[in-house]
């Protein structure tokens, strides 16, 4: 019974992987067909365009893999740096001082998280991401405030021009 389940699972994984690869091929083909219909391309142009789209897709995948590897390398480097810093601090401080330092850094982190939550509650947000990023409404309000300030400055400038006496050599 278990062997049948394993065989079914492996075959499902194989089929899903095959479907994902087929979707990538279909994606460039569909893109080519849409562009060809829009621009009225002939068969030779379609083939060249499809080839170009596929090459671009492969280049993007290679670039993404490079970026993923760089991110992983940066994470490892950061981890090594943190460990080295911890070791240097342990050499400098006594165990009691080091424990106090760790506790205070935990408290700072808690306060930072709590501050984010409080800002979210003040804004009436419940989602942490909504508290972190300014929603579109806030941007509109900022834009309105800026426009109002600009209009007020223009009105003041016009009022000054009206109230200034003319300097045309008269009385």
C-alpha atoms as a PDB file:
ATOM      1  CA  UNK A   1       0.000   0.000   0.000  1.00  0.00           C
ATOM      2  CA  UNK A   2       2.775   2.437   0.924  1.00  0.00           C
ATOM      3  CA  UNK A   3       4.689   1.633  -2.242  1.00  0.00           C
ATOM      4  CA  UNK A   4       1.621   2.460  -4.342  1.00  0.00           C
ATOM      5  CA  UNK A   5       1.251   5.790  -2.568  1.00  0.00           C
ATOM      6  CA  UNK A   6       4.940   6.536  -3.138  1.00  0.00           C
ATOM      7  CA  UNK A   7       4.630   5.682  -6.825  1.00  0.00           C
ATOM      8  CA  UNK A   8       1.582   7.917  -7.172  1.00  0.00           C
ATOM      9  CA  UNK A   9       3.330  10.802  -5.385  1.00  0.00           C
ATOM     10  CA  UNK A  10       6.451  10.523  -7.542  1.00  0.00           C
ATOM     11  CA  UNK A  11       4.365  10.391 -10.710  1.00  0.00           C
ATOM     12  CA  UNK A  12       2.369  13.453  -9.596  1.00  0.00           C
ATOM     13  CA  UNK A  13       5.574  15.362  -8.967  1.00  0.00           C
ATOM     14  CA  UNK A  14       6.864  14.355 -12.398  1.00  0.00           C
ATOM     15  CA  UNK A  15       3.650  15.399 -14.130  1.00  0.00           C
ATOM     16  CA  UNK A  16       3.530  18.744 -12.340  1.00  0.00           C
ATOM     17  CA  UNK A  17       7.168  19.477 -13.216  1.00  0.00           C
ATOM     18  CA  UNK A  18       6.442  18.616 -16.845  1.00  0.00           C
ATOM     19  CA  UNK A  19       3.429  20.939 -16.836  1.00  0.00           C
ATOM     20  CA  UNK A  20       5.492  23.792 -15.413  1.00  0.00           C
ATOM     21  CA  UNK A  21       8.086  23.397 -18.151  1.00  0.00           C
ATOM     22  CA  UNK A  22       5.358  23.272 -20.780  1.00  0.00           C
ATOM     23  CA  UNK A  23       3.829  26.461 -19.401  1.00  0.00           C
ATOM     24  CA  UNK A  24       7.138  28.287 -19.844  1.00  0.00           C
ATOM     25  CA  UNK A  25       7.290  27.213 -23.497  1.00  0.00           C
ATOM     26  CA  UNK A  26       3.636  28.120 -24.026  1.00  0.00           C
ATOM     27  CA  UNK A  27       4.152  31.492 -22.391  1.00  0.00           C
ATOM     28  CA  UNK A  28       6.681  32.657 -24.989  1.00  0.00           C
ATOM     29  CA  UNK A  29       4.619  31.153 -27.789  1.00  0.00           C
ATOM     30  CA  UNK A  30       1.495  32.998 -26.630  1.00  0.00           C
ATOM     31  CA  UNK A  31       3.458  36.209 -26.269  1.00  0.00           C
ATOM     32  CA  UNK A  32       4.817  35.770 -29.788  1.00  0.00           C
ATOM     33  CA  UNK A  33       1.335  35.145 -31.167  1.00  0.00           C
ATOM     34  CA  UNK A  34      -0.080  38.241 -29.480  1.00  0.00           C
ATOM     35  CA  UNK A  35       2.724  40.456 -30.798  1.00  0.00           C
ATOM     36  CA  UNK A  36       2.465  38.876 -34.244  1.00  0.00           C
ATOM     37  CA  UNK A  37      -1.270  39.528 -34.386  1.00  0.00           C
ATOM     38  CA  UNK A  38      -0.812  43.103 -33.222  1.00  0.00           C
ATOM     39  CA  UNK A  39       2.025  43.903 -35.661  1.00  0.00           C
ATOM     40  CA  UNK A  40       1.042  41.624 -38.541  1.00  0.00           C
ATOM     41  CA  UNK A  41       4.266  39.595 -38.643  1.00  0.00           C
ATOM     42  CA  UNK A  42       5.053  36.886 -41.181  1.00  0.00           C
ATOM     43  CA  UNK A  43       6.193  33.347 -40.247  1.00  0.00           C
ATOM     44  CA  UNK A  44       9.905  34.144 -40.454  1.00  0.00           C
ATOM     45  CA  UNK A  45       9.487  37.132 -38.165  1.00  0.00           C
ATOM     46  CA  UNK A  46       7.397  35.050 -35.765  1.00  0.00           C
ATOM     47  CA  UNK A  47      10.131  32.425 -35.499  1.00  0.00           C
ATOM     48  CA  UNK A  48      12.828  35.038 -34.935  1.00  0.00           C
ATOM     49  CA  UNK A  49      10.680  36.838 -32.353  1.00  0.00           C
ATOM     50  CA  UNK A  50       9.869  33.600 -30.521  1.00  0.00           C
ATOM     51  CA  UNK A  51      13.575  32.730 -30.457  1.00  0.00           C
ATOM     52  CA  UNK A  52      14.348  36.185 -29.045  1.00  0.00           C
ATOM     53  CA  UNK A  53      11.672  35.853 -26.356  1.00  0.00           C
ATOM     54  CA  UNK A  54      12.983  32.429 -25.340  1.00  0.00           C
ATOM     55  CA  UNK A  55      16.558  33.746 -25.126  1.00  0.00           C
ATOM     56  CA  UNK A  56      15.363  36.648 -23.008  1.00  0.00           C
ATOM     57  CA  UNK A  57      13.528  34.259 -20.736  1.00  0.00           C
ATOM     58  CA  UNK A  58      16.647  32.124 -20.310  1.00  0.00           C
ATOM     59  CA  UNK A  59      18.747  35.214 -19.591  1.00  0.00           C
ATOM     60  CA  UNK A  60      16.266  36.373 -16.952  1.00  0.00           C
ATOM     61  CA  UNK A  61      16.300  32.949 -15.314  1.00  0.00           C
ATOM     62  CA  UNK A  62      20.114  32.942 -15.264  1.00  0.00           C
ATOM     63  CA  UNK A  63      20.151  36.433 -13.783  1.00  0.00           C
ATOM     64  CA  UNK A  64      17.647  35.424 -11.116  1.00  0.00           C
ATOM     65  CA  UNK A  65      19.778  32.422 -10.196  1.00  0.00           C
ATOM     66  CA  UNK A  66      22.844  34.665  -9.886  1.00  0.00           C
ATOM     67  CA  UNK A  67      20.910  37.103  -7.702  1.00  0.00           C
ATOM     68  CA  UNK A  68      19.614  34.252  -5.540  1.00  0.00           C
ATOM     69  CA  UNK A  69      23.168  32.974  -5.084  1.00  0.00           C
ATOM     70  CA  UNK A  70      24.373  36.485  -4.194  1.00  0.00           C
ATOM     71  CA  UNK A  71      21.605  36.859  -1.614  1.00  0.00           C
ATOM     72  CA  UNK A  72      22.527  33.555  -0.027  1.00  0.00           C
ATOM     73  CA  UNK A  73      26.187  34.533   0.021  1.00  0.00           C
ATOM     74  CA  UNK A  74      25.342  37.870   1.630  1.00  0.00           C
ATOM     75  CA  UNK A  75      23.263  36.114   4.289  1.00  0.00           C
ATOM     76  CA  UNK A  76      26.132  33.763   5.069  1.00  0.00           C
ATOM     77  CA  UNK A  77      28.586  36.676   5.234  1.00  0.00           C
ATOM     78  CA  UNK A  78      26.265  38.609   7.536  1.00  0.00           C
ATOM     79  CA  UNK A  79      25.881  35.568   9.780  1.00  0.00           C
ATOM     80  CA  UNK A  80      29.669  35.122   9.964  1.00  0.00           C
ATOM     81  CA  UNK A  81      30.096  38.831  10.767  1.00  0.00           C
ATOM     82  CA  UNK A  82      27.499  38.639  13.539  1.00  0.00           C
ATOM     83  CA  UNK A  83      29.219  35.601  15.011  1.00  0.00           C
ATOM     84  CA  UNK A  84      32.608  37.342  14.873  1.00  0.00           C
ATOM     85  CA  UNK A  85      31.139  40.427  16.542  1.00  0.00           C
ATOM     86  CA  UNK A  86      29.617  38.238  19.259  1.00  0.00           C
ATOM     87  CA  UNK A  87      33.000  36.615  19.879  1.00  0.00           C
ATOM     88  CA  UNK A  88      34.748  39.996  20.098  1.00  0.00           C
ATOM     89  CA  UNK A  89      32.123  41.252  22.550  1.00  0.00           C
ATOM     90  CA  UNK A  90      32.512  38.118  24.657  1.00  0.00           C
ATOM     91  CA  UNK A  91      36.268  38.741  24.827  1.00  0.00           C
ATOM     92  CA  UNK A  92      35.777  42.344  25.929  1.00  0.00           C
ATOM     93  CA  UNK A  93      32.863  41.982  28.366  1.00  0.00           C
ATOM     94  CA  UNK A  94      32.372  39.799  31.383  1.00  0.00           C
ATOM     95  CA  UNK A  95      29.632  37.184  31.244  1.00  0.00           C
ATOM     96  CA  UNK A  96      27.307  39.347  33.362  1.00  0.00           C
ATOM     97  CA  UNK A  97      27.888  42.411  31.169  1.00  0.00           C
ATOM     98  CA  UNK A  98      27.391  40.362  28.041  1.00  0.00           C
ATOM     99  CA  UNK A  99      24.111  38.961  29.403  1.00  0.00           C
ATOM    100  CA  UNK A 100      22.911  42.502  30.212  1.00  0.00           C
ATOM    101  CA  UNK A 101      23.855  43.647  26.711  1.00  0.00           C
ATOM    102  CA  UNK A 102      21.915  40.782  25.120  1.00  0.00           C
ATOM    103  CA  UNK A 103      18.888  41.492  27.306  1.00  0.00           C
ATOM    104  CA  UNK A 104      18.942  45.209  26.476  1.00  0.00           C
ATOM    105  CA  UNK A 105      19.201  44.472  22.747  1.00  0.00           C
ATOM    106  CA  UNK A 106      16.181  42.159  23.061  1.00  0.00           C
ATOM    107  CA  UNK A 107      14.290  44.944  24.828  1.00  0.00           C
ATOM    108  CA  UNK A 108      15.183  47.396  22.069  1.00  0.00           C
ATOM    109  CA  UNK A 109      13.919  44.939  19.460  1.00  0.00           C
ATOM    110  CA  UNK A 110      10.684  44.415  21.401  1.00  0.00           C
ATOM    111  CA  UNK A 111      10.197  48.173  21.703  1.00  0.00           C
ATOM    112  CA  UNK A 112      10.755  48.585  17.969  1.00  0.00           C
ATOM    113  CA  UNK A 113       8.155  45.926  17.164  1.00  0.00           C
ATOM    114  CA  UNK A 114       5.735  47.363  19.709  1.00  0.00           C
ATOM    115  CA  UNK A 115       6.225  50.834  18.234  1.00  0.00           C
ATOM    116  CA  UNK A 116       5.273  49.519  14.814  1.00  0.00           C
ATOM    117  CA  UNK A 117       2.186  47.911  16.272  1.00  0.00           C
ATOM    118  CA  UNK A 118       1.230  51.121  18.086  1.00  0.00           C
ATOM    119  CA  UNK A 119       1.592  53.149  14.892  1.00  0.00           C
ATOM    120  CA  UNK A 120      -0.642  50.632  13.162  1.00  0.00           C
ATOM    121  CA  UNK A 121      -3.263  50.947  15.866  1.00  0.00           C
ATOM    122  CA  UNK A 122      -3.163  54.734  15.698  1.00  0.00           C
ATOM    123  CA  UNK A 123      -3.730  54.617  11.945  1.00  0.00           C
ATOM    124  CA  UNK A 124      -6.493  52.093  12.433  1.00  0.00           C
ATOM    125  CA  UNK A 125      -4.595  49.329  10.686  1.00  0.00           C
ATOM    126  CA  UNK A 126      -4.435  45.781  11.850  1.00  0.00           C
ATOM    127  CA  UNK A 127      -2.070  44.318   9.274  1.00  0.00           C
ATOM    128  CA  UNK A 128       1.645  44.787  10.033  1.00  0.00           C
ATOM    129  CA  UNK A 129       2.442  45.515   6.392  1.00  0.00           C
ATOM    130  CA  UNK A 130      -0.166  48.248   6.253  1.00  0.00           C
ATOM    131  CA  UNK A 131       1.546  49.951   9.176  1.00  0.00           C
ATOM    132  CA  UNK A 132       4.937  49.710   7.536  1.00  0.00           C
ATOM    133  CA  UNK A 133       4.003  51.172   4.169  1.00  0.00           C
ATOM    134  CA  UNK A 134       2.103  54.352   3.512  1.00  0.00           C
ATOM    135  CA  UNK A 135      -1.216  53.580   1.861  1.00  0.00           C
ATOM    136  CA  UNK A 136      -2.419  55.456  -1.199  1.00  0.00           C
ATOM    137  CA  UNK A 137      -4.860  57.548   0.846  1.00  0.00           C
ATOM    138  CA  UNK A 138      -2.022  58.995   2.935  1.00  0.00           C
ATOM    139  CA  UNK A 139      -0.127  59.900  -0.237  1.00  0.00           C
ATOM    140  CA  UNK A 140      -3.186  61.690  -1.564  1.00  0.00           C
ATOM    141  CA  UNK A 141      -3.501  63.628   1.691  1.00  0.00           C
ATOM    142  CA  UNK A 142       0.140  64.691   1.474  1.00  0.00           C
ATOM    143  CA  UNK A 143      -0.403  65.814  -2.113  1.00  0.00           C
ATOM    144  CA  UNK A 144      -3.478  67.818  -1.099  1.00  0.00           C
ATOM    145  CA  UNK A 145      -1.589  69.484   1.730  1.00  0.00           C
ATOM    146  CA  UNK A 146       1.179  70.467  -0.652  1.00  0.00           C
ATOM    147  CA  UNK A 147      -1.324  71.903  -3.143  1.00  0.00           C
ATOM    148  CA  UNK A 148      -3.056  73.865  -0.397  1.00  0.00           C
ATOM    149  CA  UNK A 149       0.264  75.315   0.768  1.00  0.00           C
ATOM    150  CA  UNK A 150       1.086  76.283  -2.801  1.00  0.00           C
ATOM    151  CA  UNK A 151      -2.297  77.953  -3.311  1.00  0.00           C
ATOM    152  CA  UNK A 152      -2.011  79.828  -0.020  1.00  0.00           C
ATOM    153  CA  UNK A 153       1.391  81.137  -1.085  1.00  0.00           C
ATOM    154  CA  UNK A 154      -0.054  82.268  -4.447  1.00  0.00           C
ATOM    155  CA  UNK A 155      -2.961  84.023  -2.739  1.00  0.00           C
ATOM    156  CA  UNK A 156      -0.585  85.819  -0.366  1.00  0.00           C
ATOM    157  CA  UNK A 157       1.573  86.894  -3.304  1.00  0.00           C
ATOM    158  CA  UNK A 158      -1.480  88.318  -5.132  1.00  0.00           C
ATOM    159  CA  UNK A 159      -2.576  90.111  -1.953  1.00  0.00           C
ATOM    160  CA  UNK A 160       0.855  91.702  -1.631  1.00  0.00           C
ATOM    161  CA  UNK A 161       0.719  92.889  -5.236  1.00  0.00           C
ATOM    162  CA  UNK A 162      -2.700  94.472  -4.684  1.00  0.00           C
ATOM    163  CA  UNK A 163      -1.671  96.220  -1.463  1.00  0.00           C
ATOM    164  CA  UNK A 164       1.649  97.609  -2.723  1.00  0.00           C
ATOM    165  CA  UNK A 165       1.487 101.243  -3.803  1.00  0.00           C
ATOM    166  CA  UNK A 166       2.281 101.876  -7.448  1.00  0.00           C
ATOM    167  CA  UNK A 167       5.723 103.307  -8.066  1.00  0.00           C
ATOM    168  CA  UNK A 168       5.068 105.176 -11.275  1.00  0.00           C
ATOM    169  CA  UNK A 169       6.411 108.537 -10.125  1.00  0.00           C
ATOM    170  CA  UNK A 170       3.047 109.908  -9.018  1.00  0.00           C
ATOM    171  CA  UNK A 171       2.084 111.443  -5.684  1.00  0.00           C
END
